[in-house]
């Protein structure tokens, strides 16, 4: 996962600690909301992903409720703007596809209402 964090810090321009938290929150959200078989396959192909999930701040309902909006609100709580959130999300999805293949990742994204517009 260090490779992904490095990509994010270079391309998005955020601190590595914030990048770790953001990736952990995104992957944790996918783990919670996505189909178990596909998300398990995706995470298994990304050594260290579960550690990031386990150490990330929890994505709660917050003012915007749950789902994708709740995730966005939680990421904003890290101090990220919409452009940074988009950059982290795209880098995370691209990395997941490199490691697990397009199929499982696309299936996870398609299964979560409203997510495809953000990645």
PDB file of N, CA and C in Angstrom:
ATOM      1  N   UNK A   1       0.815  -1.197   0.000  1.00  0.00           N
ATOM      2  CA  UNK A   1       0.000   0.000   0.000  1.00  0.00           C
ATOM      3  C   UNK A   1       0.860   1.262   0.000  1.00  0.00           C
ATOM      4  N   UNK A   2       2.131   1.101   0.348  1.00  0.00           N
ATOM      5  CA  UNK A   2       3.027   2.259   0.312  1.00  0.00           C
ATOM      6  C   UNK A   2       3.112   2.841  -1.096  1.00  0.00           C
ATOM      7  N   UNK A   3       3.051   1.962  -2.093  1.00  0.00           N
ATOM      8  CA  UNK A   3       3.085   2.431  -3.488  1.00  0.00           C
ATOM      9  C   UNK A   3       1.884   3.327  -3.789  1.00  0.00           C
ATOM     10  N   UNK A   4       0.710   2.918  -3.348  1.00  0.00           N
ATOM     11  CA  UNK A   4      -0.495   3.719  -3.563  1.00  0.00           C
ATOM     12  C   UNK A   4      -0.393   5.051  -2.829  1.00  0.00           C
ATOM     13  N   UNK A   5       0.032   5.014  -1.585  1.00  0.00           N
ATOM     14  CA  UNK A   5       0.138   6.251  -0.806  1.00  0.00           C
ATOM     15  C   UNK A   5       1.127   7.209  -1.475  1.00  0.00           C
ATOM     16  N   UNK A   6       2.221   6.681  -1.981  1.00  0.00           N
ATOM     17  CA  UNK A   6       3.202   7.504  -2.683  1.00  0.00           C
ATOM     18  C   UNK A   6       2.594   8.130  -3.935  1.00  0.00           C
ATOM     19  N   UNK A   7       1.849   7.358  -4.679  1.00  0.00           N
ATOM     20  CA  UNK A   7       1.175   7.892  -5.878  1.00  0.00           C
ATOM     21  C   UNK A   7       0.234   9.034  -5.511  1.00  0.00           C
ATOM     22  N   UNK A   8      -0.501   8.842  -4.438  1.00  0.00           N
ATOM     23  CA  UNK A   8      -1.472   9.861  -4.025  1.00  0.00           C
ATOM     24  C   UNK A   8      -0.765  11.124  -3.561  1.00  0.00           C
ATOM     25  N   UNK A   9       0.285  10.981  -2.764  1.00  0.00           N
ATOM     26  CA  UNK A   9       0.980  12.180  -2.299  1.00  0.00           C
ATOM     27  C   UNK A   9       1.595  12.937  -3.469  1.00  0.00           C
ATOM     28  N   UNK A  10       2.101  12.196  -4.459  1.00  0.00           N
ATOM     29  CA  UNK A  10       2.703  12.844  -5.632  1.00  0.00           C
ATOM     30  C   UNK A  10       1.660  13.498  -6.536  1.00  0.00           C
ATOM     31  N   UNK A  11       0.571  12.789  -6.804  1.00  0.00           N
ATOM     32  CA  UNK A  11      -0.388  13.293  -7.791  1.00  0.00           C
ATOM     33  C   UNK A  11      -1.433  14.233  -7.198  1.00  0.00           C
ATOM     34  N   UNK A  12      -1.841  13.985  -5.956  1.00  0.00           N
ATOM     35  CA  UNK A  12      -2.896  14.802  -5.349  1.00  0.00           C
ATOM     36  C   UNK A  12      -2.303  15.921  -4.501  1.00  0.00           C
ATOM     37  N   UNK A  13      -1.091  15.670  -3.973  1.00  0.00           N
ATOM     38  CA  UNK A  13      -0.414  16.710  -3.209  1.00  0.00           C
ATOM     39  C   UNK A  13      -0.859  16.807  -1.760  1.00  0.00           C
ATOM     40  N   UNK A  14      -1.269  15.682  -1.183  1.00  0.00           N
ATOM     41  CA  UNK A  14      -1.651  15.696   0.220  1.00  0.00           C
ATOM     42  C   UNK A  14      -0.623  14.925   1.039  1.00  0.00           C
ATOM     43  N   UNK A  15      -0.639  15.151   2.334  1.00  0.00           N
ATOM     44  CA  UNK A  15       0.257  14.508   3.282  1.00  0.00           C
ATOM     45  C   UNK A  15       0.013  12.997   3.308  1.00  0.00           C
ATOM     46  N   UNK A  16       1.080  12.220   3.493  1.00  0.00           N
ATOM     47  CA  UNK A  16       0.978  10.756   3.492  1.00  0.00           C
ATOM     48  C   UNK A  16       0.040  10.241   4.584  1.00  0.00           C
ATOM     49  N   UNK A  17       0.037  10.854   5.742  1.00  0.00           N
ATOM     50  CA  UNK A  17      -0.841  10.415   6.827  1.00  0.00           C
ATOM     51  C   UNK A  17      -2.305  10.614   6.447  1.00  0.00           C
ATOM     52  N   UNK A  18      -2.606  11.752   5.846  1.00  0.00           N
ATOM     53  CA  UNK A  18      -3.975  12.021   5.394  1.00  0.00           C
ATOM     54  C   UNK A  18      -4.348  11.049   4.280  1.00  0.00           C
ATOM     55  N   UNK A  19      -3.416  10.773   3.389  1.00  0.00           N
ATOM     56  CA  UNK A  19      -3.670   9.829   2.297  1.00  0.00           C
ATOM     57  C   UNK A  19      -3.984   8.443   2.852  1.00  0.00           C
ATOM     58  N   UNK A  20      -3.238   7.990   3.850  1.00  0.00           N
ATOM     59  CA  UNK A  20      -3.494   6.680   4.469  1.00  0.00           C
ATOM     60  C   UNK A  20      -4.895   6.626   5.075  1.00  0.00           C
ATOM     61  N   UNK A  21      -5.248   7.682   5.801  1.00  0.00           N
ATOM     62  CA  UNK A  21      -6.578   7.731   6.417  1.00  0.00           C
ATOM     63  C   UNK A  21      -7.670   7.726   5.351  1.00  0.00           C
ATOM     64  N   UNK A  22      -7.481   8.527   4.312  1.00  0.00           N
ATOM     65  CA  UNK A  22      -8.492   8.628   3.259  1.00  0.00           C
ATOM     66  C   UNK A  22      -8.662   7.295   2.531  1.00  0.00           C
ATOM     67  N   UNK A  23      -7.559   6.646   2.178  1.00  0.00           N
ATOM     68  CA  UNK A  23      -7.635   5.352   1.497  1.00  0.00           C
ATOM     69  C   UNK A  23      -8.294   4.325   2.409  1.00  0.00           C
ATOM     70  N   UNK A  24      -7.921   4.317   3.676  1.00  0.00           N
ATOM     71  CA  UNK A  24      -8.543   3.399   4.624  1.00  0.00           C
ATOM     72  C   UNK A  24     -10.038   3.619   4.741  1.00  0.00           C
ATOM     73  N   UNK A  25     -10.455   4.876   4.757  1.00  0.00           N
ATOM     74  CA  UNK A  25     -11.883   5.194   4.832  1.00  0.00           C
ATOM     75  C   UNK A  25     -12.611   4.747   3.570  1.00  0.00           C
ATOM     76  N   UNK A  26     -12.009   4.987   2.420  1.00  0.00           N
ATOM     77  CA  UNK A  26     -12.633   4.584   1.149  1.00  0.00           C
ATOM     78  C   UNK A  26     -12.748   3.063   1.077  1.00  0.00           C
ATOM     79  N   UNK A  27     -11.655   2.367   1.367  1.00  0.00           N
ATOM     80  CA  UNK A  27     -11.694   0.905   1.311  1.00  0.00           C
ATOM     81  C   UNK A  27     -12.637   0.330   2.357  1.00  0.00           C
ATOM     82  N   UNK A  28     -12.682   0.936   3.530  1.00  0.00           N
ATOM     83  CA  UNK A  28     -13.606   0.493   4.569  1.00  0.00           C
ATOM     84  C   UNK A  28     -15.053   0.672   4.143  1.00  0.00           C
ATOM     85  N   UNK A  29     -15.332   1.791   3.492  1.00  0.00           N
ATOM     86  CA  UNK A  29     -16.675   2.031   2.965  1.00  0.00           C
ATOM     87  C   UNK A  29     -17.038   0.969   1.932  1.00  0.00           C
ATOM     88  N   UNK A  30     -16.101   0.685   1.023  1.00  0.00           N
ATOM     89  CA  UNK A  30     -16.350  -0.344   0.012  1.00  0.00           C
ATOM     90  C   UNK A  30     -16.574  -1.705   0.666  1.00  0.00           C
ATOM     91  N   UNK A  31     -15.791  -2.000   1.685  1.00  0.00           N
ATOM     92  CA  UNK A  31     -15.918  -3.273   2.390  1.00  0.00           C
ATOM     93  C   UNK A  31     -17.295  -3.397   3.055  1.00  0.00           C
ATOM     94  N   UNK A  32     -17.767  -2.313   3.597  1.00  0.00           N
ATOM     95  CA  UNK A  32     -19.053  -2.312   4.291  1.00  0.00           C
ATOM     96  C   UNK A  32     -20.227  -2.362   3.308  1.00  0.00           C
ATOM     97  N   UNK A  33     -20.114  -1.640   2.207  1.00  0.00           N
ATOM     98  CA  UNK A  33     -21.243  -1.467   1.297  1.00  0.00           C
ATOM     99  C   UNK A  33     -21.241  -2.404   0.092  1.00  0.00           C
ATOM    100  N   UNK A  34     -20.072  -2.942  -0.271  1.00  0.00           N
ATOM    101  CA  UNK A  34     -19.962  -3.743  -1.480  1.00  0.00           C
ATOM    102  C   UNK A  34     -20.315  -5.199  -1.273  1.00  0.00           C
ATOM    103  N   UNK A  35     -20.447  -5.938  -2.367  1.00  0.00           N
ATOM    104  CA  UNK A  35     -20.725  -7.373  -2.270  1.00  0.00           C
ATOM    105  C   UNK A  35     -19.531  -8.108  -1.665  1.00  0.00           C
ATOM    106  N   UNK A  36     -19.798  -8.905  -0.644  1.00  0.00           N
ATOM    107  CA  UNK A  36     -18.723  -9.546   0.134  1.00  0.00           C
ATOM    108  C   UNK A  36     -17.725 -10.307  -0.714  1.00  0.00           C
ATOM    109  N   UNK A  37     -18.200 -11.103  -1.672  1.00  0.00           N
ATOM    110  CA  UNK A  37     -17.273 -11.927  -2.457  1.00  0.00           C
ATOM    111  C   UNK A  37     -16.334 -11.072  -3.292  1.00  0.00           C
ATOM    112  N   UNK A  38     -16.860 -10.042  -3.921  1.00  0.00           N
ATOM    113  CA  UNK A  38     -16.031  -9.193  -4.797  1.00  0.00           C
ATOM    114  C   UNK A  38     -15.084  -8.314  -3.993  1.00  0.00           C
ATOM    115  N   UNK A  39     -15.565  -7.750  -2.882  1.00  0.00           N
ATOM    116  CA  UNK A  39     -14.687  -6.891  -2.089  1.00  0.00           C
ATOM    117  C   UNK A  39     -13.598  -7.731  -1.420  1.00  0.00           C
ATOM    118  N   UNK A  40     -13.930  -8.948  -1.022  1.00  0.00           N
ATOM    119  CA  UNK A  40     -12.914  -9.830  -0.444  1.00  0.00           C
ATOM    120  C   UNK A  40     -11.829 -10.151  -1.462  1.00  0.00           C
ATOM    121  N   UNK A  41     -12.240 -10.412  -2.688  1.00  0.00           N
ATOM    122  CA  UNK A  41     -11.289 -10.697  -3.769  1.00  0.00           C
ATOM    123  C   UNK A  41     -10.400  -9.482  -4.026  1.00  0.00           C
ATOM    124  N   UNK A  42     -11.008  -8.305  -4.059  1.00  0.00           N
ATOM    125  CA  UNK A  42     -10.262  -7.078  -4.314  1.00  0.00           C
ATOM    126  C   UNK A  42      -9.258  -6.804  -3.194  1.00  0.00           C
ATOM    127  N   UNK A  43      -9.701  -6.882  -1.952  1.00  0.00           N
ATOM    128  CA  UNK A  43      -8.819  -6.577  -0.824  1.00  0.00           C
ATOM    129  C   UNK A  43      -7.703  -7.605  -0.678  1.00  0.00           C
ATOM    130  N   UNK A  44      -7.987  -8.864  -0.996  1.00  0.00           N
ATOM    131  CA  UNK A  44      -6.967  -9.910  -0.916  1.00  0.00           C
ATOM    132  C   UNK A  44      -5.816  -9.642  -1.885  1.00  0.00           C
ATOM    133  N   UNK A  45      -6.104  -8.962  -2.975  1.00  0.00           N
ATOM    134  CA  UNK A  45      -5.077  -8.647  -3.975  1.00  0.00           C
ATOM    135  C   UNK A  45      -4.276  -7.397  -3.611  1.00  0.00           C
ATOM    136  N   UNK A  46      -4.637  -6.767  -2.503  1.00  0.00           N
ATOM    137  CA  UNK A  46      -4.000  -5.523  -2.086  1.00  0.00           C
ATOM    138  C   UNK A  46      -3.426  -5.692  -0.673  1.00  0.00           C
ATOM    139  N   UNK A  47      -2.262  -6.357  -0.545  1.00  0.00           N
ATOM    140  CA  UNK A  47      -1.683  -6.565   0.788  1.00  0.00           C
ATOM    141  C   UNK A  47      -1.537  -5.246   1.549  1.00  0.00           C
ATOM    142  N   UNK A  48      -1.970  -5.262   2.800  1.00  0.00           N
ATOM    143  CA  UNK A  48      -1.915  -4.068   3.634  1.00  0.00           C
ATOM    144  C   UNK A  48      -3.198  -3.267   3.635  1.00  0.00           C
ATOM    145  N   UNK A  49      -4.136  -3.595   2.755  1.00  0.00           N
ATOM    146  CA  UNK A  49      -5.389  -2.836   2.672  1.00  0.00           C
ATOM    147  C   UNK A  49      -6.178  -2.931   3.975  1.00  0.00           C
ATOM    148  N   UNK A  50      -6.267  -4.142   4.537  1.00  0.00           N
ATOM    149  CA  UNK A  50      -7.051  -4.312   5.760  1.00  0.00           C
ATOM    150  C   UNK A  50      -6.450  -3.519   6.917  1.00  0.00           C
ATOM    151  N   UNK A  51      -5.130  -3.406   6.960  1.00  0.00           N
ATOM    152  CA  UNK A  51      -4.487  -2.599   8.006  1.00  0.00           C
ATOM    153  C   UNK A  51      -4.893  -1.137   7.894  1.00  0.00           C
ATOM    154  N   UNK A  52      -4.968  -0.620   6.649  1.00  0.00           N
ATOM    155  CA  UNK A  52      -5.402   0.769   6.461  1.00  0.00           C
ATOM    156  C   UNK A  52      -6.857   0.939   6.886  1.00  0.00           C
ATOM    157  N   UNK A  53      -7.686  -0.043   6.552  1.00  0.00           N
ATOM    158  CA  UNK A  53      -9.100   0.010   6.941  1.00  0.00           C
ATOM    159  C   UNK A  53      -9.217   0.026   8.462  1.00  0.00           C
ATOM    160  N   UNK A  54      -8.495  -0.874   9.105  1.00  0.00           N
ATOM    161  CA  UNK A  54      -8.584  -1.002  10.560  1.00  0.00           C
ATOM    162  C   UNK A  54      -8.093   0.235  11.300  1.00  0.00           C
ATOM    163  N   UNK A  55      -7.161   0.969  10.714  1.00  0.00           N
ATOM    164  CA  UNK A  55      -6.604   2.142  11.397  1.00  0.00           C
ATOM    165  C   UNK A  55      -7.256   3.458  10.964  1.00  0.00           C
ATOM    166  N   UNK A  56      -8.173   3.405  10.005  1.00  0.00           N
ATOM    167  CA  UNK A  56      -8.813   4.627   9.499  1.00  0.00           C
ATOM    168  C   UNK A  56      -9.909   5.107  10.450  1.00  0.00           C
ATOM    169  N   UNK A  57     -10.156   6.412  10.443  1.00  0.00           N
ATOM    170  CA  UNK A  57     -11.299   6.921  11.207  1.00  0.00           C
ATOM    171  C   UNK A  57     -12.588   6.298  10.665  1.00  0.00           C
ATOM    172  N   UNK A  58     -13.542   6.087  11.545  1.00  0.00           N
ATOM    173  CA  UNK A  58     -14.805   5.487  11.134  1.00  0.00           C
ATOM    174  C   UNK A  58     -15.622   6.472  10.307  1.00  0.00           C
ATOM    175  N   UNK A  59     -16.256   5.947   9.280  1.00  0.00           N
ATOM    176  CA  UNK A  59     -17.140   6.755   8.444  1.00  0.00           C
ATOM    177  C   UNK A  59     -18.537   6.593   9.006  1.00  0.00           C
ATOM    178  N   UNK A  60     -19.009   7.621   9.714  1.00  0.00           N
ATOM    179  CA  UNK A  60     -20.341   7.562  10.311  1.00  0.00           C
ATOM    180  C   UNK A  60     -21.348   8.270   9.443  1.00  0.00           C
ATOM    181  N   UNK A  61     -22.549   8.323   9.926  1.00  0.00           N
ATOM    182  CA  UNK A  61     -23.612   8.982   9.185  1.00  0.00           C
ATOM    183  C   UNK A  61     -23.383  10.478   9.053  1.00  0.00           C
ATOM    184  N   UNK A  62     -23.034  11.108  10.150  1.00  0.00           N
ATOM    185  CA  UNK A  62     -22.788  12.553  10.120  1.00  0.00           C
ATOM    186  C   UNK A  62     -23.989  13.344   9.645  1.00  0.00           C
ATOM    187  N   UNK A  63     -23.765  14.580   9.338  1.00  0.00           N
ATOM    188  CA  UNK A  63     -24.823  15.477   8.914  1.00  0.00           C
ATOM    189  C   UNK A  63     -25.449  15.049   7.593  1.00  0.00           C
ATOM    190  N   UNK A  64     -24.650  14.406   6.718  1.00  0.00           N
ATOM    191  CA  UNK A  64     -25.144  14.037   5.402  1.00  0.00           C
ATOM    192  C   UNK A  64     -25.640  12.601   5.344  1.00  0.00           C
ATOM    193  N   UNK A  65     -25.748  11.925   6.482  1.00  0.00           N
ATOM    194  CA  UNK A  65     -26.235  10.551   6.503  1.00  0.00           C
ATOM    195  C   UNK A  65     -25.164   9.577   6.055  1.00  0.00           C
ATOM    196  N   UNK A  66     -25.616   8.407   5.646  1.00  0.00           N
ATOM    197  CA  UNK A  66     -24.685   7.374   5.225  1.00  0.00           C
ATOM    198  C   UNK A  66     -24.447   7.403   3.732  1.00  0.00           C
ATOM    199  N   UNK A  67     -24.034   6.279   3.214  1.00  0.00           N
ATOM    200  CA  UNK A  67     -23.800   6.143   1.787  1.00  0.00           C
ATOM    201  C   UNK A  67     -22.643   6.991   1.301  1.00  0.00           C
ATOM    202  N   UNK A  68     -22.677   7.256   0.007  1.00  0.00           N
ATOM    203  CA  UNK A  68     -21.598   8.007  -0.631  1.00  0.00           C
ATOM    204  C   UNK A  68     -21.472   9.417  -0.047  1.00  0.00           C
ATOM    205  N   UNK A  69     -22.593  10.036   0.260  1.00  0.00           N
ATOM    206  CA  UNK A  69     -22.537  11.389   0.821  1.00  0.00           C
ATOM    207  C   UNK A  69     -21.893  11.385   2.206  1.00  0.00           C
ATOM    208  N   UNK A  70     -22.170  10.367   2.989  1.00  0.00           N
ATOM    209  CA  UNK A  70     -21.539  10.243   4.297  1.00  0.00           C
ATOM    210  C   UNK A  70     -20.034  10.060   4.180  1.00  0.00           C
ATOM    211  N   UNK A  71     -19.616   9.257   3.183  1.00  0.00           N
ATOM    212  CA  UNK A  71     -18.182   9.072   2.936  1.00  0.00           C
ATOM    213  C   UNK A  71     -17.546  10.398   2.540  1.00  0.00           C
ATOM    214  N   UNK A  72     -18.187  11.110   1.627  1.00  0.00           N
ATOM    215  CA  UNK A  72     -17.665  12.412   1.200  1.00  0.00           C
ATOM    216  C   UNK A  72     -17.536  13.381   2.355  1.00  0.00           C
ATOM    217  N   UNK A  73     -18.535  13.399   3.207  1.00  0.00           N
ATOM    218  CA  UNK A  73     -18.511  14.268   4.379  1.00  0.00           C
ATOM    219  C   UNK A  73     -17.355  13.894   5.311  1.00  0.00           C
ATOM    220  N   UNK A  74     -17.147  12.591   5.505  1.00  0.00           N
ATOM    221  CA  UNK A  74     -16.060  12.131   6.366  1.00  0.00           C
ATOM    222  C   UNK A  74     -14.704  12.504   5.781  1.00  0.00           C
ATOM    223  N   UNK A  75     -14.562  12.375   4.464  1.00  0.00           N
ATOM    224  CA  UNK A  75     -13.298  12.746   3.815  1.00  0.00           C
ATOM    225  C   UNK A  75     -13.055  14.252   3.900  1.00  0.00           C
ATOM    226  N   UNK A  76     -14.114  15.033   3.804  1.00  0.00           N
ATOM    227  CA  UNK A  76     -13.976  16.480   3.981  1.00  0.00           C
ATOM    228  C   UNK A  76     -13.530  16.795   5.398  1.00  0.00           C
ATOM    229  N   UNK A  77     -13.951  15.950   6.336  1.00  0.00           N
ATOM    230  CA  UNK A  77     -13.536  16.107   7.726  1.00  0.00           C
ATOM    231  C   UNK A  77     -12.035  15.940   7.923  1.00  0.00           C
ATOM    232  N   UNK A  78     -11.379  15.284   6.961  1.00  0.00           N
ATOM    233  CA  UNK A  78      -9.914  15.177   6.990  1.00  0.00           C
ATOM    234  C   UNK A  78      -9.250  16.430   6.435  1.00  0.00           C
ATOM    235  N   UNK A  79     -10.071  17.361   5.940  1.00  0.00           N
ATOM    236  CA  UNK A  79      -9.535  18.584   5.351  1.00  0.00           C
ATOM    237  C   UNK A  79      -9.387  18.513   3.841  1.00  0.00           C
ATOM    238  N   UNK A  80      -9.973  17.486   3.221  1.00  0.00           N
ATOM    239  CA  UNK A  80      -9.861  17.341   1.771  1.00  0.00           C
ATOM    240  C   UNK A  80     -10.978  18.086   1.056  1.00  0.00           C
ATOM    241  N   UNK A  81     -10.621  18.708  -0.053  1.00  0.00           N
ATOM    242  CA  UNK A  81     -11.604  19.337  -0.916  1.00  0.00           C
ATOM    243  C   UNK A  81     -12.090  18.339  -1.953  1.00  0.00           C
ATOM    244  N   UNK A  82     -13.071  18.726  -2.737  1.00  0.00           N
ATOM    245  CA  UNK A  82     -13.659  17.819  -3.732  1.00  0.00           C
ATOM    246  C   UNK A  82     -12.626  17.331  -4.749  1.00  0.00           C
ATOM    247  N   UNK A  83     -11.738  18.187  -5.196  1.00  0.00           N
ATOM    248  CA  UNK A  83     -10.710  17.783  -6.150  1.00  0.00           C
ATOM    249  C   UNK A  83      -9.761  16.755  -5.557  1.00  0.00           C
ATOM    250  N   UNK A  84      -9.410  16.951  -4.297  1.00  0.00           N
ATOM    251  CA  UNK A  84      -8.526  15.998  -3.623  1.00  0.00           C
ATOM    252  C   UNK A  84      -9.233  14.665  -3.390  1.00  0.00           C
ATOM    253  N   UNK A  85     -10.498  14.726  -3.001  1.00  0.00           N
ATOM    254  CA  UNK A  85     -11.273  13.496  -2.806  1.00  0.00           C
ATOM    255  C   UNK A  85     -11.354  12.724  -4.112  1.00  0.00           C
ATOM    256  N   UNK A  86     -11.621  13.434  -5.188  1.00  0.00           N
ATOM    257  CA  UNK A  86     -11.680  12.793  -6.504  1.00  0.00           C
ATOM    258  C   UNK A  86     -10.347  12.162  -6.869  1.00  0.00           C
ATOM    259  N   UNK A  87      -9.258  12.873  -6.623  1.00  0.00           N
ATOM    260  CA  UNK A  87      -7.929  12.357  -6.935  1.00  0.00           C
ATOM    261  C   UNK A  87      -7.583  11.114  -6.138  1.00  0.00           C
ATOM    262  N   UNK A  88      -7.877  11.137  -4.835  1.00  0.00           N
ATOM    263  CA  UNK A  88      -7.607   9.976  -3.983  1.00  0.00           C
ATOM    264  C   UNK A  88      -8.459   8.794  -4.437  1.00  0.00           C
ATOM    265  N   UNK A  89      -9.720   9.054  -4.730  1.00  0.00           N
ATOM    266  CA  UNK A  89     -10.636   7.985  -5.156  1.00  0.00           C
ATOM    267  C   UNK A  89     -10.173   7.351  -6.459  1.00  0.00           C
ATOM    268  N   UNK A  90      -9.832   8.179  -7.427  1.00  0.00           N
ATOM    269  CA  UNK A  90      -9.398   7.660  -8.724  1.00  0.00           C
ATOM    270  C   UNK A  90      -8.099   6.862  -8.599  1.00  0.00           C
ATOM    271  N   UNK A  91      -7.150   7.368  -7.833  1.00  0.00           N
ATOM    272  CA  UNK A  91      -5.881   6.648  -7.636  1.00  0.00           C
ATOM    273  C   UNK A  91      -6.125   5.312  -6.929  1.00  0.00           C
ATOM    274  N   UNK A  92      -7.022   5.308  -5.953  1.00  0.00           N
ATOM    275  CA  UNK A  92      -7.326   4.084  -5.214  1.00  0.00           C
ATOM    276  C   UNK A  92      -7.973   3.051  -6.124  1.00  0.00           C
ATOM    277  N   UNK A  93      -8.935   3.473  -6.933  1.00  0.00           N
ATOM    278  CA  UNK A  93      -9.609   2.559  -7.854  1.00  0.00           C
ATOM    279  C   UNK A  93      -8.637   2.049  -8.913  1.00  0.00           C
ATOM    280  N   UNK A  94      -7.822   2.935  -9.467  1.00  0.00           N
ATOM    281  CA  UNK A  94      -6.845   2.507 -10.480  1.00  0.00           C
ATOM    282  C   UNK A  94      -5.876   1.476  -9.898  1.00  0.00           C
ATOM    283  N   UNK A  95      -5.419   1.719  -8.686  1.00  0.00           N
ATOM    284  CA  UNK A  95      -4.501   0.795  -8.019  1.00  0.00           C
ATOM    285  C   UNK A  95      -5.188  -0.549  -7.774  1.00  0.00           C
ATOM    286  N   UNK A  96      -6.425  -0.512  -7.306  1.00  0.00           N
ATOM    287  CA  UNK A  96      -7.174  -1.747  -7.059  1.00  0.00           C
ATOM    288  C   UNK A  96      -7.336  -2.550  -8.344  1.00  0.00           C
ATOM    289  N   UNK A  97      -7.603  -1.865  -9.453  1.00  0.00           N
ATOM    290  CA  UNK A  97      -7.749  -2.549 -10.736  1.00  0.00           C
ATOM    291  C   UNK A  97      -6.431  -3.172 -11.189  1.00  0.00           C
ATOM    292  N   UNK A  98      -5.327  -2.488 -10.948  1.00  0.00           N
ATOM    293  CA  UNK A  98      -4.016  -3.048 -11.283  1.00  0.00           C
ATOM    294  C   UNK A  98      -3.756  -4.330 -10.508  1.00  0.00           C
ATOM    295  N   UNK A  99      -4.166  -4.362  -9.255  1.00  0.00           N
ATOM    296  CA  UNK A  99      -3.872  -5.496  -8.374  1.00  0.00           C
ATOM    297  C   UNK A  99      -4.898  -6.626  -8.498  1.00  0.00           C
ATOM    298  N   UNK A 100      -6.190  -6.279  -8.584  1.00  0.00           N
ATOM    299  CA  UNK A 100      -7.252  -7.292  -8.546  1.00  0.00           C
ATOM    300  C   UNK A 100      -7.914  -7.523  -9.899  1.00  0.00           C
ATOM    301  N   UNK A 101      -7.654  -6.630 -10.852  1.00  0.00           N
ATOM    302  CA  UNK A 101      -8.315  -6.731 -12.149  1.00  0.00           C
ATOM    303  C   UNK A 101      -9.565  -5.862 -12.195  1.00  0.00           C
ATOM    304  N   UNK A 102      -9.986  -5.545 -13.403  1.00  0.00           N
ATOM    305  CA  UNK A 102     -11.143  -4.667 -13.582  1.00  0.00           C
ATOM    306  C   UNK A 102     -12.437  -5.282 -13.063  1.00  0.00           C
ATOM    307  N   UNK A 103     -12.636  -6.577 -13.301  1.00  0.00           N
ATOM    308  CA  UNK A 103     -13.906  -7.234 -12.984  1.00  0.00           C
ATOM    309  C   UNK A 103     -14.369  -7.053 -11.558  1.00  0.00           C
ATOM    310  N   UNK A 104     -13.596  -7.508 -10.570  1.00  0.00           N
ATOM    311  CA  UNK A 104     -14.054  -7.383  -9.185  1.00  0.00           C
ATOM    312  C   UNK A 104     -14.257  -5.925  -8.757  1.00  0.00           C
ATOM    313  N   UNK A 105     -13.358  -5.057  -9.188  1.00  0.00           N
ATOM    314  CA  UNK A 105     -13.449  -3.649  -8.785  1.00  0.00           C
ATOM    315  C   UNK A 105     -14.681  -2.995  -9.416  1.00  0.00           C
ATOM    316  N   UNK A 106     -14.886  -3.229 -10.704  1.00  0.00           N
ATOM    317  CA  UNK A 106     -16.067  -2.677 -11.370  1.00  0.00           C
ATOM    318  C   UNK A 106     -17.354  -3.203 -10.736  1.00  0.00           C
ATOM    319  N   UNK A 107     -17.359  -4.482 -10.352  1.00  0.00           N
ATOM    320  CA  UNK A 107     -18.542  -5.070  -9.715  1.00  0.00           C
ATOM    321  C   UNK A 107     -18.831  -4.407  -8.369  1.00  0.00           C
ATOM    322  N   UNK A 108     -17.779  -4.134  -7.600  1.00  0.00           N
ATOM    323  CA  UNK A 108     -17.955  -3.466  -6.306  1.00  0.00           C
ATOM    324  C   UNK A 108     -18.530  -2.074  -6.524  1.00  0.00           C
ATOM    325  N   UNK A 109     -17.949  -1.325  -7.448  1.00  0.00           N
ATOM    326  CA  UNK A 109     -18.401   0.046  -7.702  1.00  0.00           C
ATOM    327  C   UNK A 109     -19.843   0.065  -8.199  1.00  0.00           C
ATOM    328  N   UNK A 110     -20.176  -0.851  -9.112  1.00  0.00           N
ATOM    329  CA  UNK A 110     -21.525  -0.896  -9.680  1.00  0.00           C
ATOM    330  C   UNK A 110     -22.576  -1.264  -8.628  1.00  0.00           C
ATOM    331  N   UNK A 111     -22.182  -1.985  -7.597  1.00  0.00           N
ATOM    332  CA  UNK A 111     -23.130  -2.455  -6.591  1.00  0.00           C
ATOM    333  C   UNK A 111     -23.492  -1.386  -5.554  1.00  0.00           C
ATOM    334  N   UNK A 112     -22.747  -0.283  -5.525  1.00  0.00           N
ATOM    335  CA  UNK A 112     -22.972   0.746  -4.507  1.00  0.00           C
ATOM    336  C   UNK A 112     -23.645   1.954  -5.152  1.00  0.00           C
ATOM    337  N   UNK A 113     -24.904   2.226  -4.790  1.00  0.00           N
ATOM    338  CA  UNK A 113     -25.638   3.331  -5.410  1.00  0.00           C
ATOM    339  C   UNK A 113     -24.896   4.671  -5.308  1.00  0.00           C
ATOM    340  N   UNK A 114     -24.769   5.345  -6.454  1.00  0.00           N
ATOM    341  CA  UNK A 114     -24.192   6.675  -6.512  1.00  0.00           C
ATOM    342  C   UNK A 114     -22.679   6.725  -6.562  1.00  0.00           C
ATOM    343  N   UNK A 115     -22.013   5.596  -6.402  1.00  0.00           N
ATOM    344  CA  UNK A 115     -20.545   5.626  -6.330  1.00  0.00           C
ATOM    345  C   UNK A 115     -19.894   5.858  -7.685  1.00  0.00           C
ATOM    346  N   UNK A 116     -20.457   5.317  -8.741  1.00  0.00           N
ATOM    347  CA  UNK A 116     -19.797   5.381 -10.050  1.00  0.00           C
ATOM    348  C   UNK A 116     -19.567   6.815 -10.526  1.00  0.00           C
ATOM    349  N   UNK A 117     -20.352   7.750 -10.070  1.00  0.00           N
ATOM    350  CA  UNK A 117     -20.158   9.144 -10.502  1.00  0.00           C
ATOM    351  C   UNK A 117     -18.948   9.799  -9.854  1.00  0.00           C
ATOM    352  N   UNK A 118     -18.373   9.161  -8.834  1.00  0.00           N
ATOM    353  CA  UNK A 118     -17.250   9.760  -8.117  1.00  0.00           C
ATOM    354  C   UNK A 118     -15.904   9.121  -8.450  1.00  0.00           C
ATOM    355  N   UNK A 119     -15.890   8.007  -9.195  1.00  0.00           N
ATOM    356  CA  UNK A 119     -14.619   7.328  -9.464  1.00  0.00           C
ATOM    357  C   UNK A 119     -14.324   7.203 -10.930  1.00  0.00           C
TER     358      UNK A 119
END
